[in-house]
C-alpha cells in the first residue's frame, strides 16, 4: 500500500473571540485572522444572536 500526500492550500478555523487560549495556540501554530464572523440562529420569534 502506498500513501499519497495531498497538498492543502487553506485551513479554516472558527474560534470565538473570547477564547483567548485557542487564539494564542493557533497563533503560535501560524494561523492568522482573516475575517470576523457572526453566528445567528432563527427561531419562530425572529433572528437572535447565538452564543
C-alpha atoms as a PDB file:
ATOM      1  CA  UNK A   1       0.000   0.000   0.000  1.00  0.00           C
ATOM      2  CA  UNK A   2       1.356   3.416  -0.959  1.00  0.00           C
ATOM      3  CA  UNK A   3       0.327   6.525   0.952  1.00  0.00           C
ATOM      4  CA  UNK A   4      -0.233   9.627  -1.154  1.00  0.00           C
ATOM      5  CA  UNK A   5       0.433  13.054   0.271  1.00  0.00           C
ATOM      6  CA  UNK A   6      -2.152  15.671  -0.668  1.00  0.00           C
ATOM      7  CA  UNK A   7      -1.478  19.376  -0.577  1.00  0.00           C
ATOM      8  CA  UNK A   8      -3.800  21.672   1.327  1.00  0.00           C
ATOM      9  CA  UNK A   9      -3.985  25.355   0.387  1.00  0.00           C
ATOM     10  CA  UNK A  10      -6.198  26.624   3.210  1.00  0.00           C
ATOM     11  CA  UNK A  11      -7.482  25.559   6.590  1.00  0.00           C
ATOM     12  CA  UNK A  12     -10.328  27.481   8.221  1.00  0.00           C
ATOM     13  CA  UNK A  13     -10.933  27.674  11.960  1.00  0.00           C
ATOM     14  CA  UNK A  14     -13.870  29.389  13.597  1.00  0.00           C
ATOM     15  CA  UNK A  15     -12.853  30.496  17.079  1.00  0.00           C
ATOM     16  CA  UNK A  16     -14.844  32.627  19.475  1.00  0.00           C
ATOM     17  CA  UNK A  17     -13.182  35.989  20.135  1.00  0.00           C
ATOM     18  CA  UNK A  18     -13.292  35.338  23.893  1.00  0.00           C
ATOM     19  CA  UNK A  19     -11.407  32.012  23.580  1.00  0.00           C
ATOM     20  CA  UNK A  20      -8.007  33.542  24.331  1.00  0.00           C
ATOM     21  CA  UNK A  21      -6.232  30.209  24.888  1.00  0.00           C
ATOM     22  CA  UNK A  22      -7.289  28.887  21.465  1.00  0.00           C
ATOM     23  CA  UNK A  23      -6.361  32.151  19.738  1.00  0.00           C
ATOM     24  CA  UNK A  24      -2.875  32.039  21.300  1.00  0.00           C
ATOM     25  CA  UNK A  25      -2.378  28.391  20.358  1.00  0.00           C
ATOM     26  CA  UNK A  26      -3.472  28.879  16.753  1.00  0.00           C
ATOM     27  CA  UNK A  27      -1.304  31.998  16.517  1.00  0.00           C
ATOM     28  CA  UNK A  28       1.743  30.019  17.675  1.00  0.00           C
ATOM     29  CA  UNK A  29       0.937  27.411  15.012  1.00  0.00           C
ATOM     30  CA  UNK A  30       0.999  30.082  12.301  1.00  0.00           C
ATOM     31  CA  UNK A  31      -2.706  30.781  11.840  1.00  0.00           C
ATOM     32  CA  UNK A  32      -3.687  34.404  11.259  1.00  0.00           C
ATOM     33  CA  UNK A  33      -7.096  36.098  11.470  1.00  0.00           C
ATOM     34  CA  UNK A  34      -8.742  36.689   8.105  1.00  0.00           C
ATOM     35  CA  UNK A  35     -12.231  37.916   8.958  1.00  0.00           C
ATOM     36  CA  UNK A  36     -14.663  38.227  11.824  1.00  0.00           C
ATOM     37  CA  UNK A  37     -17.983  36.454  11.608  1.00  0.00           C
ATOM     38  CA  UNK A  38     -21.293  36.486  13.399  1.00  0.00           C
ATOM     39  CA  UNK A  39     -23.250  33.454  14.454  1.00  0.00           C
ATOM     40  CA  UNK A  40     -27.032  33.652  14.445  1.00  0.00           C
ATOM     41  CA  UNK A  41     -29.971  31.320  14.973  1.00  0.00           C
ATOM     42  CA  UNK A  42     -33.502  31.602  13.665  1.00  0.00           C
ATOM     43  CA  UNK A  43     -36.484  30.999  15.854  1.00  0.00           C
ATOM     44  CA  UNK A  44     -40.226  31.330  15.430  1.00  0.00           C
ATOM     45  CA  UNK A  45     -39.881  34.721  17.178  1.00  0.00           C
ATOM     46  CA  UNK A  46     -37.240  36.071  14.755  1.00  0.00           C
ATOM     47  CA  UNK A  47     -33.495  36.249  14.457  1.00  0.00           C
ATOM     48  CA  UNK A  48     -31.395  36.184  17.643  1.00  0.00           C
ATOM     49  CA  UNK A  49     -27.636  36.224  18.232  1.00  0.00           C
ATOM     50  CA  UNK A  50     -26.319  32.793  19.204  1.00  0.00           C
ATOM     51  CA  UNK A  51     -23.793  32.112  21.922  1.00  0.00           C
END
